[in-house]
Amino acid sequence: MLSIDLDTMDFFEYLVSFAEREWETHRMTADRKAILQSGLVERNASPDYNAGRRKAYAHTARKYFPSGLVVLCWNEEEGRFRDFLIEGDFFGELDAALLGERFEGREASPEGIREALRGVHAGDYINGVTNEEFAALLEDRA
C-alpha cells in the first residue's frame, strides 16, 4: 500500500492538477482560483468545521426544494444580517457561501433581501430555486 502524507491544501492542489492534466480544460484553472480565494479549503480543513462546532444562530429557515434541503441561518445586529449561512444537501453550480456573503451587513428586510439578490440567480447556487422562492423562504423569518 502506498502512503502519502498530504495536508488538505496539498491534496486539493493534487486533485486539481490531476483533473487539468486528464481533462485538459482551461475552466479548471479559473474554478481553482475562485475556490482558493473563497477560503473553502481552509474552512473545510478546520477541526471546528468538521466536528460540527459553529456559531449559534438566532434565526433559521428551512425548506425542501426538488434539489434538496436548504437551511438558512443568520443573526441580526441593528436590523442587519450577520453571520449568514446557507447549508443543506442541495446541489448548485456555484458555491452557496458566495450567495450568503451577499446578505452580510444588508438590511434584514424584504428590500434588503431583494437588494442582496439583485444581479444574481439563486438557481446558480441552489439548483432549481428561483430568486423569488429564496426570498420568500427568508422573508418568512426575517
N, C-alpha and C. Protein backbone atom coordinates (compact mmCIF):
# COMPACT_ATOMS: atom_id res chain seq x y z
N MET A 1 0.84 -1.18 0.00
CA MET A 1 0.00 0.00 0.00
C MET A 1 0.89 1.24 0.00
N LEU A 2 0.51 2.21 -0.82
CA LEU A 2 1.24 3.47 -0.92
C LEU A 2 0.71 4.42 0.14
N SER A 3 1.60 5.08 0.85
CA SER A 3 1.21 6.04 1.88
C SER A 3 1.85 7.38 1.57
N ILE A 4 1.01 8.40 1.47
CA ILE A 4 1.49 9.75 1.18
C ILE A 4 0.93 10.68 2.25
N ASP A 5 1.79 11.54 2.78
CA ASP A 5 1.37 12.48 3.81
C ASP A 5 1.07 13.82 3.16
N LEU A 6 -0.23 14.16 2.98
CA LEU A 6 -0.65 15.41 2.37
C LEU A 6 -1.60 16.14 3.30
N ASP A 7 -1.44 17.45 3.40
CA ASP A 7 -2.46 18.20 4.13
C ASP A 7 -3.59 18.51 3.16
N THR A 8 -4.65 19.12 3.63
CA THR A 8 -5.83 19.37 2.80
C THR A 8 -5.50 20.20 1.57
N MET A 9 -4.72 21.25 1.75
CA MET A 9 -4.38 22.12 0.62
C MET A 9 -3.55 21.36 -0.42
N ASP A 10 -2.58 20.56 0.03
CA ASP A 10 -1.78 19.79 -0.91
C ASP A 10 -2.65 18.80 -1.68
N PHE A 11 -3.58 18.16 -0.99
CA PHE A 11 -4.47 17.20 -1.64
C PHE A 11 -5.35 17.89 -2.67
N PHE A 12 -5.89 19.05 -2.31
CA PHE A 12 -6.71 19.82 -3.24
C PHE A 12 -5.90 20.19 -4.47
N GLU A 13 -4.69 20.69 -4.27
CA GLU A 13 -3.82 21.06 -5.39
C GLU A 13 -3.56 19.85 -6.29
N TYR A 14 -3.33 18.69 -5.67
CA TYR A 14 -3.09 17.47 -6.45
C TYR A 14 -4.33 17.12 -7.29
N LEU A 15 -5.52 17.16 -6.69
CA LEU A 15 -6.74 16.82 -7.42
C LEU A 15 -6.96 17.75 -8.61
N VAL A 16 -6.78 19.03 -8.38
CA VAL A 16 -6.99 20.00 -9.46
C VAL A 16 -5.97 19.78 -10.58
N SER A 17 -4.71 19.61 -10.24
CA SER A 17 -3.70 19.42 -11.28
C SER A 17 -3.95 18.11 -12.03
N PHE A 18 -4.41 17.07 -11.34
CA PHE A 18 -4.74 15.81 -12.00
C PHE A 18 -5.88 16.01 -12.99
N ALA A 19 -6.93 16.71 -12.55
CA ALA A 19 -8.08 16.95 -13.43
C ALA A 19 -7.66 17.78 -14.63
N GLU A 20 -6.84 18.78 -14.40
CA GLU A 20 -6.38 19.61 -15.52
C GLU A 20 -5.61 18.77 -16.55
N ARG A 21 -4.75 17.89 -16.05
CA ARG A 21 -3.97 17.03 -16.96
C ARG A 21 -4.88 16.05 -17.70
N GLU A 22 -5.78 15.43 -16.97
CA GLU A 22 -6.62 14.39 -17.56
C GLU A 22 -7.67 14.94 -18.52
N TRP A 23 -8.26 16.06 -18.15
CA TRP A 23 -9.36 16.58 -18.96
C TRP A 23 -8.94 17.75 -19.84
N GLU A 24 -7.71 18.20 -19.68
CA GLU A 24 -7.17 19.27 -20.49
C GLU A 24 -8.17 20.42 -20.65
N THR A 25 -8.63 20.93 -19.56
CA THR A 25 -9.61 22.00 -19.60
C THR A 25 -9.04 23.27 -18.99
N HIS A 26 -9.38 24.39 -19.55
CA HIS A 26 -8.93 25.68 -19.02
C HIS A 26 -9.88 26.19 -17.95
N ARG A 27 -11.09 25.68 -17.94
CA ARG A 27 -12.07 26.12 -16.94
C ARG A 27 -11.60 25.77 -15.54
N MET A 28 -10.91 24.65 -15.39
CA MET A 28 -10.45 24.23 -14.07
C MET A 28 -9.55 25.29 -13.43
N THR A 29 -8.76 25.95 -14.23
CA THR A 29 -7.85 26.97 -13.69
C THR A 29 -8.63 28.11 -13.07
N ALA A 30 -9.67 28.58 -13.74
CA ALA A 30 -10.49 29.67 -13.20
C ALA A 30 -11.25 29.20 -11.96
N ASP A 31 -11.81 27.99 -12.02
CA ASP A 31 -12.52 27.46 -10.85
C ASP A 31 -11.58 27.28 -9.68
N ARG A 32 -10.41 26.80 -9.95
CA ARG A 32 -9.41 26.57 -8.90
C ARG A 32 -9.08 27.87 -8.19
N LYS A 33 -8.85 28.91 -8.96
CA LYS A 33 -8.53 30.21 -8.39
C LYS A 33 -9.69 30.72 -7.53
N ALA A 34 -10.91 30.59 -8.02
CA ALA A 34 -12.09 31.04 -7.27
C ALA A 34 -12.24 30.27 -5.96
N ILE A 35 -12.01 28.95 -6.02
CA ILE A 35 -12.12 28.13 -4.81
C ILE A 35 -11.06 28.50 -3.80
N LEU A 36 -9.84 28.67 -4.27
CA LEU A 36 -8.76 29.04 -3.36
C LEU A 36 -9.00 30.40 -2.72
N GLN A 37 -9.51 31.35 -3.50
CA GLN A 37 -9.76 32.68 -2.98
C GLN A 37 -10.96 32.72 -2.05
N SER A 38 -11.89 31.78 -2.19
CA SER A 38 -13.11 31.81 -1.38
C SER A 38 -12.88 31.36 0.06
N GLY A 39 -11.75 30.71 0.34
CA GLY A 39 -11.49 30.24 1.70
C GLY A 39 -12.13 28.91 2.02
N LEU A 40 -12.73 28.25 1.03
CA LEU A 40 -13.40 26.97 1.28
C LEU A 40 -12.44 25.89 1.75
N VAL A 41 -11.25 25.86 1.18
CA VAL A 41 -10.29 24.82 1.55
C VAL A 41 -9.94 24.97 3.03
N GLU A 42 -9.65 26.19 3.45
CA GLU A 42 -9.30 26.42 4.85
C GLU A 42 -10.48 26.09 5.77
N ARG A 43 -11.69 26.52 5.36
CA ARG A 43 -12.87 26.23 6.18
C ARG A 43 -13.09 24.73 6.32
N ASN A 44 -13.02 24.02 5.21
CA ASN A 44 -13.28 22.58 5.25
C ASN A 44 -12.18 21.81 5.96
N ALA A 45 -10.99 22.39 6.08
CA ALA A 45 -9.90 21.74 6.80
C ALA A 45 -9.94 22.04 8.29
N SER A 46 -10.79 22.95 8.70
CA SER A 46 -10.87 23.37 10.10
C SER A 46 -11.45 22.27 10.98
N PRO A 47 -10.79 21.94 12.08
CA PRO A 47 -11.36 20.95 13.01
C PRO A 47 -12.71 21.38 13.54
N ASP A 48 -12.90 22.67 13.78
CA ASP A 48 -14.20 23.14 14.26
C ASP A 48 -15.29 22.89 13.24
N TYR A 49 -15.01 23.16 11.97
CA TYR A 49 -16.00 22.94 10.92
C TYR A 49 -16.33 21.45 10.80
N ASN A 50 -15.31 20.62 10.77
CA ASN A 50 -15.51 19.19 10.58
C ASN A 50 -16.13 18.51 11.80
N ALA A 51 -15.92 19.06 12.97
CA ALA A 51 -16.50 18.49 14.18
C ALA A 51 -17.91 19.03 14.43
N GLY A 52 -18.36 19.91 13.57
CA GLY A 52 -19.72 20.41 13.68
C GLY A 52 -19.88 21.57 14.66
N ARG A 53 -18.78 22.13 15.13
CA ARG A 53 -18.88 23.27 16.03
C ARG A 53 -19.01 24.54 15.19
N ARG A 54 -19.97 25.34 15.53
CA ARG A 54 -20.17 26.57 14.79
C ARG A 54 -20.88 27.60 15.67
N LYS A 55 -21.07 28.76 15.13
CA LYS A 55 -21.72 29.83 15.85
C LYS A 55 -23.16 29.45 16.17
N ALA A 56 -23.69 30.09 17.19
CA ALA A 56 -25.12 29.95 17.48
C ALA A 56 -25.87 30.95 16.59
N TYR A 57 -27.00 30.53 16.08
CA TYR A 57 -27.79 31.39 15.20
C TYR A 57 -29.14 31.66 15.85
N ALA A 58 -29.55 32.92 15.79
CA ALA A 58 -30.84 33.33 16.36
C ALA A 58 -31.99 33.00 15.41
N HIS A 59 -31.72 32.94 14.11
CA HIS A 59 -32.77 32.74 13.12
C HIS A 59 -32.40 31.59 12.17
N THR A 60 -33.39 30.79 11.86
CA THR A 60 -33.20 29.74 10.85
C THR A 60 -34.47 29.64 10.01
N ALA A 61 -34.29 29.24 8.78
CA ALA A 61 -35.39 28.95 7.87
C ALA A 61 -34.98 27.74 7.07
N ARG A 62 -35.90 26.82 6.86
CA ARG A 62 -35.57 25.61 6.10
C ARG A 62 -36.73 25.22 5.21
N LYS A 63 -36.37 24.65 4.07
CA LYS A 63 -37.39 24.19 3.14
C LYS A 63 -36.80 23.12 2.24
N TYR A 64 -37.61 22.12 1.92
CA TYR A 64 -37.21 21.12 0.94
C TYR A 64 -37.64 21.59 -0.44
N PHE A 65 -36.68 21.69 -1.32
CA PHE A 65 -36.92 22.00 -2.72
C PHE A 65 -36.66 20.72 -3.51
N PRO A 66 -37.04 20.66 -4.79
CA PRO A 66 -36.75 19.45 -5.57
C PRO A 66 -35.26 19.09 -5.58
N SER A 67 -34.38 20.07 -5.44
CA SER A 67 -32.94 19.79 -5.46
C SER A 67 -32.39 19.41 -4.09
N GLY A 68 -33.21 19.50 -3.04
CA GLY A 68 -32.74 19.11 -1.71
C GLY A 68 -33.14 20.11 -0.64
N LEU A 69 -32.69 19.83 0.56
CA LEU A 69 -32.98 20.67 1.71
C LEU A 69 -32.09 21.91 1.70
N VAL A 70 -32.70 23.07 1.93
CA VAL A 70 -31.98 24.33 2.05
C VAL A 70 -32.24 24.86 3.45
N VAL A 71 -31.17 25.15 4.18
CA VAL A 71 -31.28 25.70 5.53
C VAL A 71 -30.53 27.03 5.54
N LEU A 72 -31.22 28.08 5.96
CA LEU A 72 -30.62 29.40 6.09
C LEU A 72 -30.49 29.70 7.58
N CYS A 73 -29.34 30.17 7.99
CA CYS A 73 -29.09 30.51 9.39
C CYS A 73 -28.47 31.91 9.41
N TRP A 74 -28.89 32.72 10.37
CA TRP A 74 -28.30 34.05 10.47
C TRP A 74 -28.60 34.66 11.84
N ASN A 75 -27.84 35.68 12.11
CA ASN A 75 -28.08 36.54 13.27
C ASN A 75 -28.41 37.91 12.72
N GLU A 76 -28.94 38.75 13.57
CA GLU A 76 -29.21 40.13 13.19
C GLU A 76 -28.57 41.05 14.22
N GLU A 77 -28.07 42.14 13.71
CA GLU A 77 -27.48 43.17 14.57
C GLU A 77 -27.92 44.52 14.02
N GLU A 78 -28.62 45.28 14.85
CA GLU A 78 -29.12 46.58 14.44
C GLU A 78 -29.92 46.50 13.14
N GLY A 79 -30.74 45.45 13.02
CA GLY A 79 -31.61 45.29 11.85
C GLY A 79 -30.91 44.83 10.59
N ARG A 80 -29.67 44.34 10.73
CA ARG A 80 -28.91 43.90 9.56
C ARG A 80 -28.49 42.43 9.72
N PHE A 81 -28.38 41.75 8.57
CA PHE A 81 -27.95 40.36 8.58
C PHE A 81 -26.50 40.25 9.04
N ARG A 82 -26.24 39.27 9.90
CA ARG A 82 -24.88 38.96 10.35
C ARG A 82 -24.73 37.44 10.35
N ASP A 83 -23.53 36.96 10.09
CA ASP A 83 -23.21 35.52 10.17
C ASP A 83 -24.14 34.69 9.29
N PHE A 84 -24.42 35.16 8.08
CA PHE A 84 -25.38 34.49 7.19
C PHE A 84 -24.78 33.20 6.65
N LEU A 85 -25.51 32.10 6.80
CA LEU A 85 -25.03 30.77 6.38
C LEU A 85 -26.11 30.07 5.58
N ILE A 86 -25.70 29.47 4.47
CA ILE A 86 -26.59 28.62 3.67
C ILE A 86 -26.02 27.22 3.69
N GLU A 87 -26.83 26.26 4.14
CA GLU A 87 -26.37 24.88 4.16
C GLU A 87 -27.51 23.96 3.75
N GLY A 88 -27.20 22.70 3.55
CA GLY A 88 -28.21 21.73 3.15
C GLY A 88 -27.60 20.65 2.28
N ASP A 89 -28.46 19.83 1.70
CA ASP A 89 -27.98 18.72 0.87
C ASP A 89 -28.29 18.94 -0.60
N PHE A 90 -28.39 20.17 -1.01
CA PHE A 90 -28.71 20.55 -2.37
C PHE A 90 -27.43 20.61 -3.22
N PHE A 91 -27.63 20.73 -4.52
CA PHE A 91 -26.52 20.91 -5.45
C PHE A 91 -26.66 22.27 -6.13
N GLY A 92 -25.54 22.81 -6.57
CA GLY A 92 -25.54 24.06 -7.31
C GLY A 92 -24.26 24.18 -8.10
N GLU A 93 -24.29 25.00 -9.11
CA GLU A 93 -23.11 25.21 -9.94
C GLU A 93 -22.07 26.06 -9.22
N LEU A 94 -22.52 27.02 -8.43
CA LEU A 94 -21.63 27.91 -7.70
C LEU A 94 -21.74 27.63 -6.20
N ASP A 95 -20.73 28.01 -5.46
CA ASP A 95 -20.70 27.80 -4.02
C ASP A 95 -21.74 28.69 -3.33
N ALA A 96 -22.66 28.08 -2.59
CA ALA A 96 -23.72 28.81 -1.90
C ALA A 96 -23.18 29.80 -0.88
N ALA A 97 -21.97 29.57 -0.37
CA ALA A 97 -21.37 30.52 0.57
C ALA A 97 -21.19 31.89 -0.07
N LEU A 98 -20.94 31.91 -1.37
CA LEU A 98 -20.79 33.18 -2.08
C LEU A 98 -22.11 33.93 -2.14
N LEU A 99 -23.22 33.21 -2.26
CA LEU A 99 -24.54 33.84 -2.22
C LEU A 99 -24.79 34.37 -0.81
N GLY A 100 -24.46 33.59 0.19
CA GLY A 100 -24.65 34.01 1.57
C GLY A 100 -23.90 35.29 1.90
N GLU A 101 -22.71 35.45 1.33
CA GLU A 101 -21.90 36.65 1.57
C GLU A 101 -22.62 37.92 1.10
N ARG A 102 -23.48 37.78 0.11
CA ARG A 102 -24.21 38.95 -0.40
C ARG A 102 -25.17 39.52 0.63
N PHE A 103 -25.57 38.73 1.62
CA PHE A 103 -26.51 39.18 2.63
C PHE A 103 -25.83 39.85 3.82
N GLU A 104 -24.57 39.56 4.01
CA GLU A 104 -23.83 40.06 5.17
C GLU A 104 -23.88 41.59 5.23
N GLY A 105 -24.42 42.12 6.33
CA GLY A 105 -24.48 43.55 6.55
C GLY A 105 -25.65 44.25 5.90
N ARG A 106 -26.42 43.53 5.10
CA ARG A 106 -27.59 44.15 4.45
C ARG A 106 -28.75 44.23 5.45
N GLU A 107 -29.65 45.13 5.18
CA GLU A 107 -30.83 45.29 6.00
C GLU A 107 -31.65 44.00 5.97
N ALA A 108 -32.07 43.54 7.14
CA ALA A 108 -32.87 42.31 7.25
C ALA A 108 -34.34 42.66 7.02
N SER A 109 -34.65 42.95 5.77
CA SER A 109 -35.99 43.36 5.37
C SER A 109 -36.23 42.86 3.95
N PRO A 110 -37.48 42.88 3.50
CA PRO A 110 -37.72 42.48 2.10
C PRO A 110 -36.89 43.30 1.11
N GLU A 111 -36.70 44.59 1.38
CA GLU A 111 -35.90 45.43 0.48
C GLU A 111 -34.43 44.98 0.50
N GLY A 112 -33.90 44.70 1.69
CA GLY A 112 -32.52 44.23 1.80
C GLY A 112 -32.31 42.89 1.13
N ILE A 113 -33.30 42.03 1.23
CA ILE A 113 -33.23 40.71 0.59
C ILE A 113 -33.20 40.86 -0.93
N ARG A 114 -34.10 41.70 -1.45
CA ARG A 114 -34.13 41.93 -2.91
C ARG A 114 -32.81 42.56 -3.39
N GLU A 115 -32.28 43.47 -2.58
CA GLU A 115 -31.01 44.10 -2.93
C GLU A 115 -29.87 43.07 -2.99
N ALA A 116 -29.84 42.14 -2.03
CA ALA A 116 -28.80 41.11 -2.00
C ALA A 116 -28.90 40.18 -3.21
N LEU A 117 -30.11 39.96 -3.69
CA LEU A 117 -30.32 39.05 -4.81
C LEU A 117 -30.22 39.73 -6.17
N ARG A 118 -30.14 41.04 -6.18
CA ARG A 118 -30.08 41.79 -7.44
C ARG A 118 -28.82 41.39 -8.22
N GLY A 119 -29.02 41.02 -9.48
CA GLY A 119 -27.90 40.71 -10.36
C GLY A 119 -27.39 39.28 -10.27
N VAL A 120 -28.00 38.45 -9.44
CA VAL A 120 -27.60 37.04 -9.35
C VAL A 120 -28.83 36.15 -9.54
N HIS A 121 -28.59 34.88 -9.77
CA HIS A 121 -29.66 33.90 -9.89
C HIS A 121 -29.46 32.85 -8.80
N ALA A 122 -30.38 32.78 -7.86
CA ALA A 122 -30.27 31.82 -6.76
C ALA A 122 -30.09 30.40 -7.30
N GLY A 123 -30.68 30.11 -8.45
CA GLY A 123 -30.57 28.79 -9.05
C GLY A 123 -29.17 28.40 -9.45
N ASP A 124 -28.27 29.38 -9.60
CA ASP A 124 -26.88 29.06 -9.88
C ASP A 124 -26.19 28.48 -8.64
N TYR A 125 -26.70 28.82 -7.47
CA TYR A 125 -26.12 28.37 -6.20
C TYR A 125 -26.89 27.19 -5.61
N ILE A 126 -28.21 27.16 -5.88
CA ILE A 126 -29.08 26.09 -5.39
C ILE A 126 -29.95 25.68 -6.58
N ASN A 127 -29.61 24.57 -7.19
CA ASN A 127 -30.29 24.15 -8.42
C ASN A 127 -31.81 24.22 -8.29
N GLY A 128 -32.44 24.85 -9.29
CA GLY A 128 -33.88 24.86 -9.39
C GLY A 128 -34.59 25.87 -8.50
N VAL A 129 -33.88 26.65 -7.72
CA VAL A 129 -34.51 27.62 -6.82
C VAL A 129 -34.47 29.00 -7.47
N THR A 130 -35.62 29.63 -7.56
CA THR A 130 -35.69 30.97 -8.13
C THR A 130 -35.36 32.01 -7.06
N ASN A 131 -35.05 33.20 -7.49
CA ASN A 131 -34.82 34.30 -6.55
C ASN A 131 -36.07 34.54 -5.70
N GLU A 132 -37.23 34.42 -6.32
CA GLU A 132 -38.48 34.64 -5.59
C GLU A 132 -38.68 33.59 -4.50
N GLU A 133 -38.37 32.33 -4.81
CA GLU A 133 -38.50 31.26 -3.81
C GLU A 133 -37.51 31.45 -2.67
N PHE A 134 -36.28 31.83 -3.01
CA PHE A 134 -35.26 32.06 -1.99
C PHE A 134 -35.68 33.22 -1.10
N ALA A 135 -36.13 34.31 -1.71
CA ALA A 135 -36.56 35.49 -0.95
C ALA A 135 -37.74 35.15 -0.05
N ALA A 136 -38.71 34.39 -0.56
CA ALA A 136 -39.88 34.03 0.24
C ALA A 136 -39.49 33.22 1.47
N LEU A 137 -38.56 32.30 1.30
CA LEU A 137 -38.09 31.49 2.43
C LEU A 137 -37.49 32.39 3.49
N LEU A 138 -36.72 33.35 3.08
CA LEU A 138 -36.04 34.25 4.00
C LEU A 138 -37.00 35.28 4.60
N GLU A 139 -37.89 35.81 3.78
CA GLU A 139 -38.82 36.84 4.25
C GLU A 139 -39.79 36.31 5.29
N ASP A 140 -40.09 35.03 5.24
CA ASP A 140 -40.98 34.43 6.23
C ASP A 140 -40.38 34.50 7.64
N ARG A 141 -39.05 34.62 7.72
CA ARG A 141 -38.37 34.61 9.03
C ARG A 141 -37.70 35.92 9.39
N ALA A 142 -37.40 36.75 8.37
CA ALA A 142 -36.66 38.00 8.64
C ALA A 142 -37.57 39.07 9.24
